[in-house]
Every structure is written in C-alpha cells, then in structure tokens.
Amino acid sequence: YTYQFMEEQEYFTVSVLPADMKTAMSL
C-alpha cells in the first residue's frame, strides 16, 4: 500500500522507533 504513496509524493521519511515499540513495528 505504501507504494502508491511513494509514487504520489516527492518526499518520504525513515523513522527509527525505540526497541520497546516492537508491537507497533510488528503491526
């Protein structure tokens, strides 16, 4: 699903979350 957003937008971000947010990362 992210592909269409990458194609539509000029900018993207990479966010590194803390290790204690593994549940969010998994989801």
PDB file of all heavy atoms in Angstrom:
ATOM      1  N   TYR A   1       0.828  -1.201   0.000  1.00  0.00           N
ATOM      2  CA  TYR A   1       0.000   0.000   0.000  1.00  0.00           C
ATOM      3  C   TYR A   1       0.869   1.261   0.000  1.00  0.00           C
ATOM      4  O   TYR A   1       0.535   2.269  -0.629  1.00  0.00           O
ATOM      5  CB  TYR A   1      -0.923  -0.032   1.216  1.00  0.00           C
ATOM      6  CG  TYR A   1      -1.957   1.064   1.280  1.00  0.00           C
ATOM      7  CD1 TYR A   1      -2.769   1.373   0.191  1.00  0.00           C
ATOM      8  CD2 TYR A   1      -2.147   1.772   2.456  1.00  0.00           C
ATOM      9  CE1 TYR A   1      -3.727   2.362   0.258  1.00  0.00           C
ATOM     10  CE2 TYR A   1      -3.111   2.764   2.541  1.00  0.00           C
ATOM     11  CZ  TYR A   1      -3.895   3.061   1.443  1.00  0.00           C
ATOM     12  OH  TYR A   1      -4.842   4.042   1.530  1.00  0.00           O
ATOM     13  N   THR A   2       2.001   1.214   0.673  1.00  0.00           N
ATOM     14  CA  THR A   2       2.910   2.360   0.735  1.00  0.00           C
ATOM     15  C   THR A   2       3.422   2.751  -0.647  1.00  0.00           C
ATOM     16  O   THR A   2       3.730   3.920  -0.887  1.00  0.00           O
ATOM     17  CB  THR A   2       4.094   2.053   1.680  1.00  0.00           C
ATOM     18  OG1 THR A   2       3.550   1.722   2.969  1.00  0.00           O
ATOM     19  CG2 THR A   2       5.037   3.221   1.829  1.00  0.00           C
ATOM     20  N   TYR A   3       3.486   1.805  -1.571  1.00  0.00           N
ATOM     21  CA  TYR A   3       3.994   2.059  -2.916  1.00  0.00           C
ATOM     22  C   TYR A   3       3.268   3.232  -3.575  1.00  0.00           C
ATOM     23  O   TYR A   3       3.893   4.114  -4.152  1.00  0.00           O
ATOM     24  CB  TYR A   3       3.859   0.784  -3.753  1.00  0.00           C
ATOM     25  CG  TYR A   3       4.359   0.878  -5.167  1.00  0.00           C
ATOM     26  CD1 TYR A   3       5.686   0.610  -5.461  1.00  0.00           C
ATOM     27  CD2 TYR A   3       3.503   1.193  -6.216  1.00  0.00           C
ATOM     28  CE1 TYR A   3       6.158   0.663  -6.766  1.00  0.00           C
ATOM     29  CE2 TYR A   3       3.959   1.250  -7.521  1.00  0.00           C
ATOM     30  CZ  TYR A   3       5.284   0.986  -7.793  1.00  0.00           C
ATOM     31  OH  TYR A   3       5.743   1.041  -9.081  1.00  0.00           O
ATOM     32  N   GLN A   4       1.927   3.248  -3.487  1.00  0.00           N
ATOM     33  CA  GLN A   4       1.186   4.326  -4.150  1.00  0.00           C
ATOM     34  C   GLN A   4       1.533   5.676  -3.534  1.00  0.00           C
ATOM     35  O   GLN A   4       1.614   6.680  -4.244  1.00  0.00           O
ATOM     36  CB  GLN A   4      -0.315   4.074  -4.117  1.00  0.00           C
ATOM     37  CG  GLN A   4      -1.011   4.391  -2.817  1.00  0.00           C
ATOM     38  CD  GLN A   4      -2.500   4.122  -2.868  1.00  0.00           C
ATOM     39  OE1 GLN A   4      -2.948   3.065  -3.273  1.00  0.00           O
ATOM     40  NE2 GLN A   4      -3.272   5.089  -2.445  1.00  0.00           N
ATOM     41  N   PHE A   5       1.793   5.723  -2.240  1.00  0.00           N
ATOM     42  CA  PHE A   5       2.172   6.984  -1.599  1.00  0.00           C
ATOM     43  C   PHE A   5       3.572   7.411  -2.044  1.00  0.00           C
ATOM     44  O   PHE A   5       3.820   8.604  -2.241  1.00  0.00           O
ATOM     45  CB  PHE A   5       2.114   6.841  -0.073  1.00  0.00           C
ATOM     46  CG  PHE A   5       0.714   6.646   0.446  1.00  0.00           C
ATOM     47  CD1 PHE A   5       0.161   5.377   0.559  1.00  0.00           C
ATOM     48  CD2 PHE A   5      -0.059   7.733   0.823  1.00  0.00           C
ATOM     49  CE1 PHE A   5      -1.121   5.201   1.032  1.00  0.00           C
ATOM     50  CE2 PHE A   5      -1.345   7.570   1.295  1.00  0.00           C
ATOM     51  CZ  PHE A   5      -1.882   6.296   1.399  1.00  0.00           C
ATOM     52  N   MET A   6       4.459   6.455  -2.188  1.00  0.00           N
ATOM     53  CA  MET A   6       5.814   6.763  -2.672  1.00  0.00           C
ATOM     54  C   MET A   6       5.754   7.320  -4.091  1.00  0.00           C
ATOM     55  O   MET A   6       6.503   8.230  -4.447  1.00  0.00           O
ATOM     56  CB  MET A   6       6.697   5.517  -2.630  1.00  0.00           C
ATOM     57  CG  MET A   6       7.005   5.009  -1.232  1.00  0.00           C
ATOM     58  SD  MET A   6       8.039   6.113  -0.264  1.00  0.00           S
ATOM     59  CE  MET A   6       9.612   5.914  -1.090  1.00  0.00           C
ATOM     60  N   GLU A   7       4.863   6.773  -4.905  1.00  0.00           N
ATOM     61  CA  GLU A   7       4.721   7.227  -6.289  1.00  0.00           C
ATOM     62  C   GLU A   7       4.083   8.615  -6.378  1.00  0.00           C
ATOM     63  O   GLU A   7       4.401   9.378  -7.286  1.00  0.00           O
ATOM     64  CB  GLU A   7       3.878   6.218  -7.089  1.00  0.00           C
ATOM     65  CG  GLU A   7       4.583   4.893  -7.318  1.00  0.00           C
ATOM     66  CD  GLU A   7       5.784   5.033  -8.229  1.00  0.00           C
ATOM     67  OE1 GLU A   7       5.619   5.472  -9.373  1.00  0.00           O
ATOM     68  OE2 GLU A   7       6.907   4.713  -7.767  1.00  0.00           O
ATOM     69  N   GLU A   8       3.205   8.942  -5.439  1.00  0.00           N
ATOM     70  CA  GLU A   8       2.468  10.207  -5.483  1.00  0.00           C
ATOM     71  C   GLU A   8       3.243  11.375  -4.883  1.00  0.00           C
ATOM     72  O   GLU A   8       2.973  12.527  -5.220  1.00  0.00           O
ATOM     73  CB  GLU A   8       1.149  10.076  -4.708  1.00  0.00           C
ATOM     74  CG  GLU A   8       0.157   9.135  -5.340  1.00  0.00           C
ATOM     75  CD  GLU A   8      -1.038   8.830  -4.428  1.00  0.00           C
ATOM     76  OE1 GLU A   8      -1.073   9.320  -3.266  1.00  0.00           O
ATOM     77  OE2 GLU A   8      -1.924   8.087  -4.875  1.00  0.00           O
ATOM     78  N   GLN A   9       4.154  11.103  -3.967  1.00  0.00           N
ATOM     79  CA  GLN A   9       4.796  12.169  -3.209  1.00  0.00           C
ATOM     80  C   GLN A   9       6.267  12.332  -3.568  1.00  0.00           C
ATOM     81  O   GLN A   9       6.937  11.376  -3.943  1.00  0.00           O
ATOM     82  CB  GLN A   9       4.678  11.900  -1.704  1.00  0.00           C
ATOM     83  CG  GLN A   9       3.252  11.838  -1.210  1.00  0.00           C
ATOM     84  CD  GLN A   9       2.507  13.148  -1.401  1.00  0.00           C
ATOM     85  OE1 GLN A   9       3.047  14.229  -1.166  1.00  0.00           O
ATOM     86  NE2 GLN A   9       1.258  13.060  -1.841  1.00  0.00           N
ATOM     87  N   GLU A  10       6.768  13.529  -3.381  1.00  0.00           N
ATOM     88  CA  GLU A  10       8.168  13.844  -3.672  1.00  0.00           C
ATOM     89  C   GLU A  10       9.078  13.512  -2.483  1.00  0.00           C
ATOM     90  O   GLU A  10      10.271  13.311  -2.648  1.00  0.00           O
ATOM     91  CB  GLU A  10       8.273  15.333  -4.009  1.00  0.00           C
ATOM     92  CG  GLU A  10       9.635  15.780  -4.436  1.00  0.00           C
ATOM     93  CD  GLU A  10       9.667  17.249  -4.833  1.00  0.00           C
ATOM     94  OE1 GLU A  10       8.666  17.974  -4.649  1.00  0.00           O
ATOM     95  OE2 GLU A  10      10.719  17.684  -5.325  1.00  0.00           O
ATOM     96  N   TYR A  11       8.491  13.440  -1.286  1.00  0.00           N
ATOM     97  CA  TYR A  11       9.274  13.203  -0.071  1.00  0.00           C
ATOM     98  C   TYR A  11       8.842  11.916   0.615  1.00  0.00           C
ATOM     99  O   TYR A  11       7.679  11.518   0.522  1.00  0.00           O
ATOM    100  CB  TYR A  11       9.098  14.368   0.910  1.00  0.00           C
ATOM    101  CG  TYR A  11       9.722  15.658   0.426  1.00  0.00           C
ATOM    102  CD1 TYR A  11       9.024  16.510  -0.420  1.00  0.00           C
ATOM    103  CD2 TYR A  11      11.007  16.014   0.815  1.00  0.00           C
ATOM    104  CE1 TYR A  11       9.595  17.693  -0.868  1.00  0.00           C
ATOM    105  CE2 TYR A  11      11.586  17.192   0.367  1.00  0.00           C
ATOM    106  CZ  TYR A  11      10.874  18.025  -0.472  1.00  0.00           C
ATOM    107  OH  TYR A  11      11.446  19.184  -0.914  1.00  0.00           O
ATOM    108  N   PHE A  12       9.775  11.290   1.334  1.00  0.00           N
ATOM    109  CA  PHE A  12       9.479  10.159   2.200  1.00  0.00           C
ATOM    110  C   PHE A  12      10.318  10.292   3.452  1.00  0.00           C
ATOM    111  O   PHE A  12      11.267  11.073   3.495  1.00  0.00           O
ATOM    112  CB  PHE A  12       9.721   8.817   1.487  1.00  0.00           C
ATOM    113  CG  PHE A  12      11.159   8.536   1.114  1.00  0.00           C
ATOM    114  CD1 PHE A  12      12.040   7.923   2.002  1.00  0.00           C
ATOM    115  CD2 PHE A  12      11.637   8.880  -0.153  1.00  0.00           C
ATOM    116  CE1 PHE A  12      13.357   7.657   1.643  1.00  0.00           C
ATOM    117  CE2 PHE A  12      12.947   8.624  -0.523  1.00  0.00           C
ATOM    118  CZ  PHE A  12      13.813   7.999   0.379  1.00  0.00           C
ATOM    119  N   THR A  13       9.964   9.535   4.479  1.00  0.00           N
ATOM    120  CA  THR A  13      10.740   9.566   5.714  1.00  0.00           C
ATOM    121  C   THR A  13      11.072   8.156   6.184  1.00  0.00           C
ATOM    122  O   THR A  13      10.351   7.198   5.874  1.00  0.00           O
ATOM    123  CB  THR A  13       9.997  10.298   6.856  1.00  0.00           C
ATOM    124  OG1 THR A  13       8.807   9.586   7.185  1.00  0.00           O
ATOM    125  CG2 THR A  13       9.662  11.726   6.471  1.00  0.00           C
ATOM    126  N   VAL A  14      12.143   8.057   6.932  1.00  0.00           N
ATOM    127  CA  VAL A  14      12.502   6.835   7.643  1.00  0.00           C
ATOM    128  C   VAL A  14      12.548   7.219   9.119  1.00  0.00           C
ATOM    129  O   VAL A  14      13.288   8.127   9.504  1.00  0.00           O
ATOM    130  CB  VAL A  14      13.861   6.273   7.186  1.00  0.00           C
ATOM    131  CG1 VAL A  14      14.265   5.075   8.033  1.00  0.00           C
ATOM    132  CG2 VAL A  14      13.811   5.897   5.703  1.00  0.00           C
ATOM    133  N   SER A  15      11.715   6.564   9.930  1.00  0.00           N
ATOM    134  CA  SER A  15      11.654   6.819  11.369  1.00  0.00           C
ATOM    135  C   SER A  15      12.097   5.563  12.102  1.00  0.00           C
ATOM    136  O   SER A  15      11.531   4.487  11.893  1.00  0.00           O
ATOM    137  CB  SER A  15      10.223   7.157  11.808  1.00  0.00           C
ATOM    138  OG  SER A  15       9.745   8.315  11.178  1.00  0.00           O
ATOM    139  N   VAL A  16      13.088   5.696  12.962  1.00  0.00           N
ATOM    140  CA  VAL A  16      13.551   4.576  13.778  1.00  0.00           C
ATOM    141  C   VAL A  16      12.883   4.692  15.140  1.00  0.00           C
ATOM    142  O   VAL A  16      13.065   5.688  15.851  1.00  0.00           O
ATOM    143  CB  VAL A  16      15.086   4.587  13.932  1.00  0.00           C
ATOM    144  CG1 VAL A  16      15.542   3.470  14.867  1.00  0.00           C
ATOM    145  CG2 VAL A  16      15.754   4.459  12.568  1.00  0.00           C
ATOM    146  N   LEU A  17      12.077   3.680  15.476  1.00  0.00           N
ATOM    147  CA  LEU A  17      11.380   3.686  16.756  1.00  0.00           C
ATOM    148  C   LEU A  17      12.231   3.008  17.828  1.00  0.00           C
ATOM    149  O   LEU A  17      13.098   2.182  17.522  1.00  0.00           O
ATOM    150  CB  LEU A  17      10.037   2.961  16.629  1.00  0.00           C
ATOM    151  CG  LEU A  17       9.005   3.573  15.689  1.00  0.00           C
ATOM    152  CD1 LEU A  17       7.700   2.790  15.756  1.00  0.00           C
ATOM    153  CD2 LEU A  17       8.751   5.029  15.992  1.00  0.00           C
ATOM    154  N   PRO A  18      11.969   3.328  19.100  1.00  0.00           N
ATOM    155  CA  PRO A  18      12.694   2.670  20.184  1.00  0.00           C
ATOM    156  C   PRO A  18      12.393   1.172  20.234  1.00  0.00           C
ATOM    157  O   PRO A  18      11.326   0.720  19.790  1.00  0.00           O
ATOM    158  CB  PRO A  18      12.173   3.356  21.453  1.00  0.00           C
ATOM    159  CG  PRO A  18      11.363   4.517  21.016  1.00  0.00           C
ATOM    160  CD  PRO A  18      11.026   4.321  19.573  1.00  0.00           C
ATOM    161  N   ALA A  19      13.315   0.421  20.799  1.00  0.00           N
ATOM    162  CA  ALA A  19      13.180  -1.039  20.879  1.00  0.00           C
ATOM    163  C   ALA A  19      11.926  -1.454  21.636  1.00  0.00           C
ATOM    164  O   ALA A  19      11.365  -2.523  21.364  1.00  0.00           O
ATOM    165  CB  ALA A  19      14.423  -1.641  21.534  1.00  0.00           C
ATOM    166  N   ASP A  20      11.434  -0.640  22.562  1.00  0.00           N
ATOM    167  CA  ASP A  20      10.253  -1.028  23.338  1.00  0.00           C
ATOM    168  C   ASP A  20       8.946  -0.863  22.556  1.00  0.00           C
ATOM    169  O   ASP A  20       7.868  -1.132  23.078  1.00  0.00           O
ATOM    170  CB  ASP A  20      10.196  -0.273  24.667  1.00  0.00           C
ATOM    171  CG  ASP A  20      10.014   1.231  24.517  1.00  0.00           C
ATOM    172  OD1 ASP A  20       9.965   1.746  23.378  1.00  0.00           O
ATOM    173  OD2 ASP A  20       9.923   1.909  25.562  1.00  0.00           O
ATOM    174  N   MET A  21       9.035  -0.465  21.286  1.00  0.00           N
ATOM    175  CA  MET A  21       7.842  -0.331  20.449  1.00  0.00           C
ATOM    176  C   MET A  21       7.726  -1.474  19.436  1.00  0.00           C
ATOM    177  O   MET A  21       7.187  -1.314  18.351  1.00  0.00           O
ATOM    178  CB  MET A  21       7.831   1.029  19.749  1.00  0.00           C
ATOM    179  CG  MET A  21       7.702   2.192  20.728  1.00  0.00           C
ATOM    180  SD  MET A  21       7.358   3.759  19.922  1.00  0.00           S
ATOM    181  CE  MET A  21       5.619   3.530  19.486  1.00  0.00           C
ATOM    182  N   LYS A  22       8.209  -2.661  19.813  1.00  0.00           N
ATOM    183  CA  LYS A  22       8.188  -3.820  18.915  1.00  0.00           C
ATOM    184  C   LYS A  22       6.771  -4.209  18.490  1.00  0.00           C
ATOM    185  O   LYS A  22       6.565  -4.676  17.376  1.00  0.00           O
ATOM    186  CB  LYS A  22       8.873  -5.030  19.565  1.00  0.00           C
ATOM    187  CG  LYS A  22      10.373  -4.902  19.616  1.00  0.00           C
ATOM    188  CD  LYS A  22      10.962  -4.981  18.230  1.00  0.00           C
ATOM    189  CE  LYS A  22      12.468  -4.981  18.299  1.00  0.00           C
ATOM    190  NZ  LYS A  22      13.096  -4.710  17.037  1.00  0.00           N
ATOM    191  N   THR A  23       5.783  -4.024  19.363  1.00  0.00           N
ATOM    192  CA  THR A  23       4.405  -4.358  18.996  1.00  0.00           C
ATOM    193  C   THR A  23       3.944  -3.483  17.833  1.00  0.00           C
ATOM    194  O   THR A  23       3.343  -3.974  16.876  1.00  0.00           O
ATOM    195  CB  THR A  23       3.464  -4.200  20.203  1.00  0.00           C
ATOM    196  OG1 THR A  23       3.922  -5.061  21.245  1.00  0.00           O
ATOM    197  CG2 THR A  23       2.037  -4.560  19.845  1.00  0.00           C
ATOM    198  N   ALA A  24       4.243  -2.198  17.901  1.00  0.00           N
ATOM    199  CA  ALA A  24       3.886  -1.287  16.808  1.00  0.00           C
ATOM    200  C   ALA A  24       4.628  -1.662  15.539  1.00  0.00           C
ATOM    201  O   ALA A  24       4.048  -1.667  14.443  1.00  0.00           O
ATOM    202  CB  ALA A  24       4.198   0.163  17.198  1.00  0.00           C
ATOM    203  N   MET A  25       5.893  -1.986  15.669  1.00  0.00           N
ATOM    204  CA  MET A  25       6.689  -2.364  14.494  1.00  0.00           C
ATOM    205  C   MET A  25       6.137  -3.625  13.847  1.00  0.00           C
ATOM    206  O   MET A  25       6.066  -3.727  12.623  1.00  0.00           O
ATOM    207  CB  MET A  25       8.153  -2.566  14.880  1.00  0.00           C
ATOM    208  CG  MET A  25       8.848  -1.306  15.357  1.00  0.00           C
ATOM    209  SD  MET A  25       8.763   0.057  14.182  1.00  0.00           S
ATOM    210  CE  MET A  25       9.471  -0.677  12.752  1.00  0.00           C
ATOM    211  N   SER A  26       5.737  -4.579  14.679  1.00  0.00           N
ATOM    212  CA  SER A  26       5.171  -5.819  14.154  1.00  0.00           C
ATOM    213  C   SER A  26       3.869  -5.549  13.408  1.00  0.00           C
ATOM    214  O   SER A  26       3.662  -6.045  12.301  1.00  0.00           O
ATOM    215  CB  SER A  26       4.944  -6.808  15.296  1.00  0.00           C
ATOM    216  OG  SER A  26       4.342  -7.983  14.807  1.00  0.00           O
ATOM    217  N   LEU A  27       3.008  -4.750  13.992  1.00  0.00           N
ATOM    218  CA  LEU A  27       1.742  -4.430  13.341  1.00  0.00           C
ATOM    219  C   LEU A  27       1.980  -3.724  12.006  1.00  0.00           C
ATOM    220  O   LEU A  27       1.367  -4.070  10.999  1.00  0.00           O
ATOM    221  CB  LEU A  27       0.886  -3.555  14.255  1.00  0.00           C
ATOM    222  CG  LEU A  27      -0.518  -3.281  13.724  1.00  0.00           C
ATOM    223  CD1 LEU A  27      -1.529  -3.346  14.838  1.00  0.00           C
ATOM    224  CD2 LEU A  27      -0.602  -1.967  12.998  1.00  0.00           C
TER     225      LEU A  27
END
